[in-house]
Amino acid sequence: MTENRFKARQQKRAVEEESRLEQAKGGTTSVSGKNHGNQKMVPVQFYMTNDMKKKLKMYCLSNDTKMTDVLNKITEDFLKSQGF
């Protein structure tokens, strides 16, 4: 019985590793997205300091806006300024 569990875990790890490799190669990903107008939105994860997150949250609260809207606007403005 423990052998079956071991094999199941091995198979699960193999599938997860294959998925990670496919994502690293730029293959298809099974990410659920949202639609924003006519464009599909996909999640992005990045790290920031706790202090920076608190400042962003306070800005959003004081301006009655969402963090995602602010981060999208910042990213869009940055990319435009860089010629993309």
C-alpha atoms as a PDB file:
ATOM      1  CA  MET A   1       0.000   0.000   0.000  1.00  0.00           C
ATOM      2  CA  THR A   2       2.802   2.437   0.817  1.00  0.00           C
ATOM      3  CA  GLU A   3       4.374   1.491  -2.505  1.00  0.00           C
ATOM      4  CA  ASN A   4       1.225   2.661  -4.322  1.00  0.00           C
ATOM      5  CA  ARG A   5       1.308   5.992  -2.470  1.00  0.00           C
ATOM      6  CA  PHE A   6       4.973   6.365  -3.324  1.00  0.00           C
ATOM      7  CA  LYS A   7       4.291   5.731  -7.025  1.00  0.00           C
ATOM      8  CA  ALA A   8       1.362   8.161  -6.983  1.00  0.00           C
ATOM      9  CA  ARG A   9       3.574  10.870  -5.462  1.00  0.00           C
ATOM     10  CA  GLN A  10       6.296  10.172  -8.018  1.00  0.00           C
ATOM     11  CA  GLN A  11       3.814  10.485 -10.867  1.00  0.00           C
ATOM     12  CA  LYS A  12       2.397  13.707  -9.435  1.00  0.00           C
ATOM     13  CA  ARG A  13       5.896  15.183  -9.117  1.00  0.00           C
ATOM     14  CA  ALA A  14       6.734  14.145 -12.676  1.00  0.00           C
ATOM     15  CA  VAL A  15       3.595  15.847 -14.009  1.00  0.00           C
ATOM     16  CA  GLU A  16       4.325  19.008 -11.996  1.00  0.00           C
ATOM     17  CA  GLU A  17       7.937  19.081 -13.193  1.00  0.00           C
ATOM     18  CA  GLU A  18       6.832  18.611 -16.799  1.00  0.00           C
ATOM     19  CA  SER A  19       4.380  21.475 -16.375  1.00  0.00           C
ATOM     20  CA  ARG A  20       7.106  23.734 -14.947  1.00  0.00           C
ATOM     21  CA  LEU A  21       9.440  22.894 -17.825  1.00  0.00           C
ATOM     22  CA  GLU A  22       6.704  23.593 -20.360  1.00  0.00           C
ATOM     23  CA  GLN A  23       6.000  26.951 -18.738  1.00  0.00           C
ATOM     24  CA  ALA A  24       9.713  27.809 -18.715  1.00  0.00           C
ATOM     25  CA  LYS A  25       9.910  27.043 -22.442  1.00  0.00           C
ATOM     26  CA  GLY A  26       6.984  29.366 -23.065  1.00  0.00           C
ATOM     27  CA  GLY A  27       4.512  26.609 -23.743  1.00  0.00           C
ATOM     28  CA  THR A  28       0.867  26.753 -22.908  1.00  0.00           C
ATOM     29  CA  THR A  29      -0.111  27.297 -19.326  1.00  0.00           C
ATOM     30  CA  SER A  30      -3.307  26.337 -17.627  1.00  0.00           C
ATOM     31  CA  VAL A  31      -3.901  29.712 -16.015  1.00  0.00           C
ATOM     32  CA  SER A  32      -7.374  30.983 -15.489  1.00  0.00           C
ATOM     33  CA  GLY A  33      -7.688  34.541 -16.668  1.00  0.00           C
ATOM     34  CA  LYS A  34     -10.106  37.414 -16.492  1.00  0.00           C
ATOM     35  CA  ASN A  35     -11.346  39.548 -19.316  1.00  0.00           C
ATOM     36  CA  HIS A  36     -10.722  43.281 -19.259  1.00  0.00           C
ATOM     37  CA  GLY A  37     -12.640  44.770 -22.131  1.00  0.00           C
ATOM     38  CA  ASN A  38     -11.640  42.654 -25.075  1.00  0.00           C
ATOM     39  CA  GLN A  39      -8.271  41.614 -23.620  1.00  0.00           C
ATOM     40  CA  LYS A  40      -7.666  38.520 -21.501  1.00  0.00           C
ATOM     41  CA  MET A  41      -5.976  39.223 -18.192  1.00  0.00           C
ATOM     42  CA  VAL A  42      -3.574  36.691 -16.661  1.00  0.00           C
ATOM     43  CA  PRO A  43      -2.189  36.666 -13.116  1.00  0.00           C
ATOM     44  CA  VAL A  44       1.359  37.852 -12.441  1.00  0.00           C
ATOM     45  CA  GLN A  45       3.218  37.285  -9.208  1.00  0.00           C
ATOM     46  CA  PHE A  46       6.134  39.355  -7.952  1.00  0.00           C
ATOM     47  CA  TYR A  47       7.653  40.336  -4.635  1.00  0.00           C
ATOM     48  CA  MET A  48       7.858  43.714  -2.933  1.00  0.00           C
ATOM     49  CA  THR A  49       8.842  44.775   0.536  1.00  0.00           C
ATOM     50  CA  ASN A  50       6.217  44.777   3.236  1.00  0.00           C
ATOM     51  CA  ASP A  51       6.718  48.530   3.663  1.00  0.00           C
ATOM     52  CA  MET A  52       6.145  49.158  -0.055  1.00  0.00           C
ATOM     53  CA  LYS A  53       2.972  47.067   0.023  1.00  0.00           C
ATOM     54  CA  LYS A  54       1.666  49.045   3.008  1.00  0.00           C
ATOM     55  CA  LYS A  55       2.330  52.320   1.185  1.00  0.00           C
ATOM     56  CA  LEU A  56       0.584  51.049  -1.933  1.00  0.00           C
ATOM     57  CA  LYS A  57      -2.374  49.880   0.129  1.00  0.00           C
ATOM     58  CA  MET A  58      -2.637  53.248   1.895  1.00  0.00           C
ATOM     59  CA  TYR A  59      -2.483  55.046  -1.464  1.00  0.00           C
ATOM     60  CA  CYS A  60      -5.259  52.837  -2.823  1.00  0.00           C
ATOM     61  CA  LEU A  61      -7.430  53.341   0.251  1.00  0.00           C
ATOM     62  CA  SER A  62      -7.005  57.109   0.234  1.00  0.00           C
ATOM     63  CA  ASN A  63      -7.755  57.306  -3.515  1.00  0.00           C
ATOM     64  CA  ASP A  64     -10.547  54.716  -3.494  1.00  0.00           C
ATOM     65  CA  THR A  65      -8.889  52.493  -6.097  1.00  0.00           C
ATOM     66  CA  LYS A  66      -7.712  48.899  -6.409  1.00  0.00           C
ATOM     67  CA  MET A  67      -4.098  47.766  -6.193  1.00  0.00           C
ATOM     68  CA  THR A  68      -4.387  45.892  -9.484  1.00  0.00           C
ATOM     69  CA  ASP A  69      -5.579  49.031 -11.268  1.00  0.00           C
ATOM     70  CA  VAL A  70      -2.670  51.056  -9.876  1.00  0.00           C
ATOM     71  CA  LEU A  71      -0.094  48.372 -10.712  1.00  0.00           C
ATOM     72  CA  ASN A  72      -1.493  47.959 -14.231  1.00  0.00           C
ATOM     73  CA  LYS A  73      -1.330  51.734 -14.786  1.00  0.00           C
ATOM     74  CA  ILE A  74       2.234  51.959 -13.448  1.00  0.00           C
ATOM     75  CA  THR A  75       3.354  49.054 -15.644  1.00  0.00           C
ATOM     76  CA  GLU A  76       1.611  50.443 -18.715  1.00  0.00           C
ATOM     77  CA  ASP A  77       3.151  53.906 -18.220  1.00  0.00           C
ATOM     78  CA  PHE A  78       6.611  52.410 -17.683  1.00  0.00           C
ATOM     79  CA  LEU A  79       6.426  50.251 -20.811  1.00  0.00           C
ATOM     80  CA  LYS A  80       5.211  53.199 -22.909  1.00  0.00           C
ATOM     81  CA  SER A  81       8.079  55.356 -21.622  1.00  0.00           C
ATOM     82  CA  GLN A  82      10.509  52.587 -22.643  1.00  0.00           C
ATOM     83  CA  GLY A  83       9.057  52.412 -26.147  1.00  0.00           C
ATOM     84  CA  PHE A  84       7.019  49.224 -25.842  1.00  0.00           C
END
